[in-house]
PDB file of all heavy atoms in Angstrom:
ATOM      1  N   SER A   1      23.103  16.796   9.241  1.00  0.00           N
ATOM      2  CA  SER A   1      24.466  17.078   8.776  1.00  0.00           C
ATOM      3  C   SER A   1      25.458  16.072   9.338  1.00  0.00           C
ATOM      4  O   SER A   1      26.415  15.679   8.653  1.00  0.00           O
ATOM      5  CB  SER A   1      24.868  18.503   9.167  1.00  0.00           C
ATOM      6  OG  SER A   1      24.060  19.460   8.508  1.00  0.00           O
ATOM      7  N   VAL A   2      25.247  15.643  10.574  1.00  0.00           N
ATOM      8  CA  VAL A   2      26.094  14.607  11.164  1.00  0.00           C
ATOM      9  C   VAL A   2      25.966  13.320  10.346  1.00  0.00           C
ATOM     10  O   VAL A   2      26.965  12.664  10.034  1.00  0.00           O
ATOM     11  CB  VAL A   2      25.710  14.357  12.636  1.00  0.00           C
ATOM     12  CG1 VAL A   2      26.400  13.093  13.157  1.00  0.00           C
ATOM     13  CG2 VAL A   2      26.117  15.546  13.501  1.00  0.00           C
ATOM     14  N   ALA A   3      24.734  12.964  10.014  1.00  0.00           N
ATOM     15  CA  ALA A   3      24.511  11.760   9.210  1.00  0.00           C
ATOM     16  C   ALA A   3      25.204  11.877   7.860  1.00  0.00           C
ATOM     17  O   ALA A   3      25.764  10.897   7.344  1.00  0.00           O
ATOM     18  CB  ALA A   3      23.013  11.529   9.020  1.00  0.00           C
ATOM     19  N   ARG A   4      25.200  13.075   7.304  1.00  0.00           N
ATOM     20  CA  ARG A   4      25.859  13.287   6.007  1.00  0.00           C
ATOM     21  C   ARG A   4      27.361  13.080   6.132  1.00  0.00           C
ATOM     22  O   ARG A   4      27.988  12.448   5.272  1.00  0.00           O
ATOM     23  CB  ARG A   4      25.553  14.682   5.493  1.00  0.00           C
ATOM     24  CG  ARG A   4      26.080  14.946   4.087  1.00  0.00           C
ATOM     25  CD  ARG A   4      25.490  16.205   3.507  1.00  0.00           C
ATOM     26  NE  ARG A   4      25.883  16.388   2.131  1.00  0.00           N
ATOM     27  CZ  ARG A   4      25.387  17.318   1.325  1.00  0.00           C
ATOM     28  NH1 ARG A   4      24.461  18.138   1.775  1.00  0.00           N
ATOM     29  NH2 ARG A   4      25.789  17.423   0.079  1.00  0.00           N
ATOM     30  N   VAL A   5      27.960  13.598   7.195  1.00  0.00           N
ATOM     31  CA  VAL A   5      29.392  13.401   7.416  1.00  0.00           C
ATOM     32  C   VAL A   5      29.704  11.913   7.561  1.00  0.00           C
ATOM     33  O   VAL A   5      30.655  11.396   6.962  1.00  0.00           O
ATOM     34  CB  VAL A   5      29.874  14.170   8.667  1.00  0.00           C
ATOM     35  CG1 VAL A   5      31.340  13.839   8.962  1.00  0.00           C
ATOM     36  CG2 VAL A   5      29.724  15.676   8.459  1.00  0.00           C
ATOM     37  N   ILE A   6      28.899  11.208   8.351  1.00  0.00           N
ATOM     38  CA  ILE A   6      29.108   9.775   8.557  1.00  0.00           C
ATOM     39  C   ILE A   6      29.019   9.020   7.234  1.00  0.00           C
ATOM     40  O   ILE A   6      29.847   8.154   6.931  1.00  0.00           O
ATOM     41  CB  ILE A   6      28.083   9.225   9.571  1.00  0.00           C
ATOM     42  CG1 ILE A   6      28.411   9.746  10.975  1.00  0.00           C
ATOM     43  CG2 ILE A   6      28.071   7.692   9.559  1.00  0.00           C
ATOM     44  CD1 ILE A   6      27.381   9.368  12.039  1.00  0.00           C
ATOM     45  N   GLY A   7      28.014   9.348   6.425  1.00  0.00           N
ATOM     46  CA  GLY A   7      27.856   8.695   5.136  1.00  0.00           C
ATOM     47  C   GLY A   7      29.040   8.945   4.209  1.00  0.00           C
ATOM     48  O   GLY A   7      29.516   8.029   3.526  1.00  0.00           O
ATOM     49  N   LEU A   8      29.534  10.170   4.195  1.00  0.00           N
ATOM     50  CA  LEU A   8      30.678  10.505   3.347  1.00  0.00           C
ATOM     51  C   LEU A   8      31.943   9.793   3.818  1.00  0.00           C
ATOM     52  O   LEU A   8      32.746   9.324   2.999  1.00  0.00           O
ATOM     53  CB  LEU A   8      30.896  12.019   3.337  1.00  0.00           C
ATOM     54  CG  LEU A   8      29.865  12.847   2.562  1.00  0.00           C
ATOM     55  CD1 LEU A   8      30.071  14.339   2.800  1.00  0.00           C
ATOM     56  CD2 LEU A   8      29.944  12.531   1.064  1.00  0.00           C
ATOM     57  N   LEU A   9      32.124   9.710   5.117  1.00  0.00           N
ATOM     58  CA  LEU A   9      33.285   8.988   5.649  1.00  0.00           C
ATOM     59  C   LEU A   9      33.233   7.517   5.237  1.00  0.00           C
ATOM     60  O   LEU A   9      34.249   6.945   4.820  1.00  0.00           O
ATOM     61  CB  LEU A   9      33.328   9.103   7.173  1.00  0.00           C
ATOM     62  CG  LEU A   9      33.654  10.473   7.756  1.00  0.00           C
ATOM     63  CD1 LEU A   9      33.556  10.448   9.280  1.00  0.00           C
ATOM     64  CD2 LEU A   9      35.053  10.927   7.335  1.00  0.00           C
ATOM     65  N   ALA A  10      32.043   6.912   5.365  1.00  0.00           N
ATOM     66  CA  ALA A  10      31.893   5.505   4.996  1.00  0.00           C
ATOM     67  C   ALA A  10      32.138   5.289   3.502  1.00  0.00           C
ATOM     68  O   ALA A  10      32.730   4.287   3.093  1.00  0.00           O
ATOM     69  CB  ALA A  10      30.508   5.010   5.384  1.00  0.00           C
ATOM     70  N   LEU A  11      31.687   6.228   2.693  1.00  0.00           N
ATOM     71  CA  LEU A  11      31.831   6.113   1.242  1.00  0.00           C
ATOM     72  C   LEU A  11      33.279   6.235   0.800  1.00  0.00           C
ATOM     73  O   LEU A  11      33.735   5.501  -0.081  1.00  0.00           O
ATOM     74  CB  LEU A  11      30.981   7.192   0.562  1.00  0.00           C
ATOM     75  CG  LEU A  11      31.148   7.349  -0.957  1.00  0.00           C
ATOM     76  CD1 LEU A  11      30.735   6.067  -1.677  1.00  0.00           C
ATOM     77  CD2 LEU A  11      30.325   8.530  -1.454  1.00  0.00           C
ATOM     78  N   HIS A  12      34.030   7.139   1.405  1.00  0.00           N
ATOM     79  CA  HIS A  12      35.357   7.478   0.894  1.00  0.00           C
ATOM     80  C   HIS A  12      36.519   6.841   1.646  1.00  0.00           C
ATOM     81  O   HIS A  12      37.650   6.906   1.166  1.00  0.00           O
ATOM     82  CB  HIS A  12      35.522   9.002   0.889  1.00  0.00           C
ATOM     83  CG  HIS A  12      34.620   9.697  -0.069  1.00  0.00           C
ATOM     84  ND1 HIS A  12      34.810   9.686  -1.432  1.00  0.00           N
ATOM     85  CD2 HIS A  12      33.470  10.406   0.125  1.00  0.00           C
ATOM     86  CE1 HIS A  12      33.853  10.359  -2.036  1.00  0.00           C
ATOM     87  NE2 HIS A  12      33.026  10.816  -1.112  1.00  0.00           N
ATOM     88  N   THR A  13      36.251   6.218   2.788  1.00  0.00           N
ATOM     89  CA  THR A  13      37.367   5.631   3.525  1.00  0.00           C
ATOM     90  C   THR A  13      37.944   4.420   2.786  1.00  0.00           C
ATOM     91  O   THR A  13      37.196   3.644   2.173  1.00  0.00           O
ATOM     92  CB  THR A  13      36.939   5.215   4.949  1.00  0.00           C
ATOM     93  OG1 THR A  13      38.084   4.834   5.678  1.00  0.00           O
ATOM     94  CG2 THR A  13      35.956   4.056   4.905  1.00  0.00           C
ATOM     95  N   SER A  14      39.241   4.280   2.833  1.00  0.00           N
ATOM     96  CA  SER A  14      39.889   3.121   2.219  1.00  0.00           C
ATOM     97  C   SER A  14      40.382   2.142   3.280  1.00  0.00           C
ATOM     98  O   SER A  14      40.717   0.999   2.971  1.00  0.00           O
ATOM     99  CB  SER A  14      41.086   3.570   1.350  1.00  0.00           C
ATOM    100  OG  SER A  14      42.008   4.329   2.118  1.00  0.00           O
ATOM    101  N   GLU A  15      40.407   2.588   4.537  1.00  0.00           N
ATOM    102  CA  GLU A  15      40.816   1.733   5.642  1.00  0.00           C
ATOM    103  C   GLU A  15      39.825   1.915   6.787  1.00  0.00           C
ATOM    104  O   GLU A  15      39.246   2.983   6.955  1.00  0.00           O
ATOM    105  CB  GLU A  15      42.229   2.087   6.115  1.00  0.00           C
ATOM    106  CG  GLU A  15      43.303   1.909   5.046  1.00  0.00           C
ATOM    107  CD  GLU A  15      44.677   2.330   5.540  1.00  0.00           C
ATOM    108  OE1 GLU A  15      44.825   2.522   6.765  1.00  0.00           O
ATOM    109  OE2 GLU A  15      45.576   2.471   4.702  1.00  0.00           O
ATOM    110  N   LEU A  16      39.685   0.858   7.573  1.00  0.00           N
ATOM    111  CA  LEU A  16      38.745   0.914   8.691  1.00  0.00           C
ATOM    112  C   LEU A  16      39.378   0.260   9.906  1.00  0.00           C
ATOM    113  O   LEU A  16      39.666  -0.937   9.888  1.00  0.00           O
ATOM    114  CB  LEU A  16      37.437   0.200   8.327  1.00  0.00           C
ATOM    115  CG  LEU A  16      36.297   0.274   9.346  1.00  0.00           C
ATOM    116  CD1 LEU A  16      35.878   1.718   9.587  1.00  0.00           C
ATOM    117  CD2 LEU A  16      35.106  -0.546   8.872  1.00  0.00           C
ATOM    118  N   GLY A  17      39.610   1.063  10.947  1.00  0.00           N
ATOM    119  CA  GLY A  17      40.193   0.526  12.167  1.00  0.00           C
ATOM    120  C   GLY A  17      39.281  -0.505  12.805  1.00  0.00           C
ATOM    121  O   GLY A  17      38.047  -0.386  12.744  1.00  0.00           O
ATOM    122  N   GLU A  18      39.874  -1.523  13.408  1.00  0.00           N
ATOM    123  CA  GLU A  18      39.078  -2.628  13.935  1.00  0.00           C
ATOM    124  C   GLU A  18      38.206  -2.242  15.120  1.00  0.00           C
ATOM    125  O   GLU A  18      37.280  -2.970  15.477  1.00  0.00           O
ATOM    126  CB  GLU A  18      39.978  -3.801  14.326  1.00  0.00           C
ATOM    127  CG  GLU A  18      40.996  -3.479  15.397  1.00  0.00           C
ATOM    128  CD  GLU A  18      41.888  -4.669  15.693  1.00  0.00           C
ATOM    129  OE1 GLU A  18      42.434  -5.240  14.748  1.00  0.00           O
ATOM    130  OE2 GLU A  18      42.017  -5.016  16.875  1.00  0.00           O
ATOM    131  N   ASN A  19      38.472  -1.094  15.743  1.00  0.00           N
ATOM    132  CA  ASN A  19      37.686  -0.670  16.907  1.00  0.00           C
ATOM    133  C   ASN A  19      36.681   0.429  16.589  1.00  0.00           C
ATOM    134  O   ASN A  19      36.067   0.996  17.499  1.00  0.00           O
ATOM    135  CB  ASN A  19      38.623  -0.200  18.028  1.00  0.00           C
ATOM    136  CG  ASN A  19      39.487  -1.329  18.560  1.00  0.00           C
ATOM    137  OD1 ASN A  19      39.014  -2.452  18.728  1.00  0.00           O
ATOM    138  ND2 ASN A  19      40.758  -1.044  18.799  1.00  0.00           N
ATOM    139  N   VAL A  20      36.509   0.753  15.321  1.00  0.00           N
ATOM    140  CA  VAL A  20      35.538   1.795  14.951  1.00  0.00           C
ATOM    141  C   VAL A  20      34.125   1.275  15.230  1.00  0.00           C
ATOM    142  O   VAL A  20      33.751   0.208  14.733  1.00  0.00           O
ATOM    143  CB  VAL A  20      35.673   2.168  13.458  1.00  0.00           C
ATOM    144  CG1 VAL A  20      34.658   3.254  13.093  1.00  0.00           C
ATOM    145  CG2 VAL A  20      37.090   2.643  13.153  1.00  0.00           C
ATOM    146  N   PRO A  21      33.331   2.007  16.015  1.00  0.00           N
ATOM    147  CA  PRO A  21      31.998   1.516  16.427  1.00  0.00           C
ATOM    148  C   PRO A  21      30.938   1.634  15.331  1.00  0.00           C
ATOM    149  O   PRO A  21      29.929   2.332  15.481  1.00  0.00           O
ATOM    150  CB  PRO A  21      31.667   2.393  17.632  1.00  0.00           C
ATOM    151  CG  PRO A  21      32.367   3.678  17.348  1.00  0.00           C
ATOM    152  CD  PRO A  21      33.660   3.294  16.656  1.00  0.00           C
ATOM    153  N   ILE A  22      31.160   0.932  14.235  1.00  0.00           N
ATOM    154  CA  ILE A  22      30.226   0.977  13.111  1.00  0.00           C
ATOM    155  C   ILE A  22      28.858   0.441  13.517  1.00  0.00           C
ATOM    156  O   ILE A  22      27.811   0.969  13.132  1.00  0.00           O
ATOM    157  CB  ILE A  22      30.776   0.172  11.918  1.00  0.00           C
ATOM    158  CG1 ILE A  22      32.086   0.778  11.404  1.00  0.00           C
ATOM    159  CG2 ILE A  22      29.741   0.116  10.796  1.00  0.00           C
ATOM    160  CD1 ILE A  22      31.947   2.163  10.833  1.00  0.00           C
ATOM    161  N   SER A  23      28.856  -0.635  14.306  1.00  0.00           N
ATOM    162  CA  SER A  23      27.600  -1.252  14.732  1.00  0.00           C
ATOM    163  C   SER A  23      26.725  -0.262  15.490  1.00  0.00           C
ATOM    164  O   SER A  23      25.506  -0.217  15.290  1.00  0.00           O
ATOM    165  CB  SER A  23      27.884  -2.477  15.608  1.00  0.00           C
ATOM    166  OG  SER A  23      26.695  -3.076  16.040  1.00  0.00           O
ATOM    167  N   GLU A  24      27.342   0.541  16.346  1.00  0.00           N
ATOM    168  CA  GLU A  24      26.585   1.524  17.117  1.00  0.00           C
ATOM    169  C   GLU A  24      25.947   2.558  16.202  1.00  0.00           C
ATOM    170  O   GLU A  24      24.782   2.947  16.389  1.00  0.00           O
ATOM    171  CB  GLU A  24      27.495   2.204  18.133  1.00  0.00           C
ATOM    172  CG  GLU A  24      26.783   3.174  19.058  1.00  0.00           C
ATOM    173  CD  GLU A  24      27.715   3.819  20.075  1.00  0.00           C
ATOM    174  OE1 GLU A  24      28.907   3.430  20.142  1.00  0.00           O
ATOM    175  OE2 GLU A  24      27.248   4.724  20.801  1.00  0.00           O
ATOM    176  N   ALA A  25      26.704   2.993  15.198  1.00  0.00           N
ATOM    177  CA  ALA A  25      26.177   3.980  14.250  1.00  0.00           C
ATOM    178  C   ALA A  25      25.023   3.394  13.442  1.00  0.00           C
ATOM    179  O   ALA A  25      23.993   4.052  13.225  1.00  0.00           O
ATOM    180  CB  ALA A  25      27.288   4.456  13.315  1.00  0.00           C
ATOM    181  N   ILE A  26      25.165   2.150  13.012  1.00  0.00           N
ATOM    182  CA  ILE A  26      24.108   1.492  12.236  1.00  0.00           C
ATOM    183  C   ILE A  26      22.846   1.328  13.078  1.00  0.00           C
ATOM    184  O   ILE A  26      21.726   1.580  12.611  1.00  0.00           O
ATOM    185  CB  ILE A  26      24.599   0.123  11.721  1.00  0.00           C
ATOM    186  CG1 ILE A  26      25.652   0.322  10.620  1.00  0.00           C
ATOM    187  CG2 ILE A  26      23.431  -0.709  11.186  1.00  0.00           C
ATOM    188  CD1 ILE A  26      26.293  -0.967  10.149  1.00  0.00           C
ATOM    189  N   THR A  27      23.017   0.894  14.320  1.00  0.00           N
ATOM    190  CA  THR A  27      21.870   0.709  15.214  1.00  0.00           C
ATOM    191  C   THR A  27      21.126   2.018  15.421  1.00  0.00           C
ATOM    192  O   THR A  27      19.886   2.058  15.354  1.00  0.00           O
ATOM    193  CB  THR A  27      22.333   0.159  16.574  1.00  0.00           C
ATOM    194  OG1 THR A  27      22.939  -1.125  16.382  1.00  0.00           O
ATOM    195  CG2 THR A  27      21.166   0.024  17.540  1.00  0.00           C
ATOM    196  N   LEU A  28      21.861   3.098  15.652  1.00  0.00           N
ATOM    197  CA  LEU A  28      21.235   4.396  15.897  1.00  0.00           C
ATOM    198  C   LEU A  28      20.522   4.914  14.653  1.00  0.00           C
ATOM    199  O   LEU A  28      19.384   5.412  14.735  1.00  0.00           O
ATOM    200  CB  LEU A  28      22.292   5.397  16.365  1.00  0.00           C
ATOM    201  CG  LEU A  28      21.802   6.808  16.699  1.00  0.00           C
ATOM    202  CD1 LEU A  28      20.672   6.773  17.724  1.00  0.00           C
ATOM    203  CD2 LEU A  28      22.962   7.654  17.226  1.00  0.00           C
ATOM    204  N   LEU A  29      21.157   4.802  13.503  1.00  0.00           N
ATOM    205  CA  LEU A  29      20.521   5.244  12.261  1.00  0.00           C
ATOM    206  C   LEU A  29      19.259   4.434  11.979  1.00  0.00           C
ATOM    207  O   LEU A  29      18.240   4.983  11.541  1.00  0.00           O
ATOM    208  CB  LEU A  29      21.503   5.112  11.097  1.00  0.00           C
ATOM    209  CG  LEU A  29      22.590   6.180  11.026  1.00  0.00           C
ATOM    210  CD1 LEU A  29      23.704   5.755  10.078  1.00  0.00           C
ATOM    211  CD2 LEU A  29      22.013   7.526  10.587  1.00  0.00           C
TER     212      LEU A  29
END
């Protein structure tokens, strides 16, 4: 369910803060 929330956030976000740890999420997934 956490992964689902993350996926939905990535799909629907229109802005992305420069400090959002996307790399960490990708590495873990």
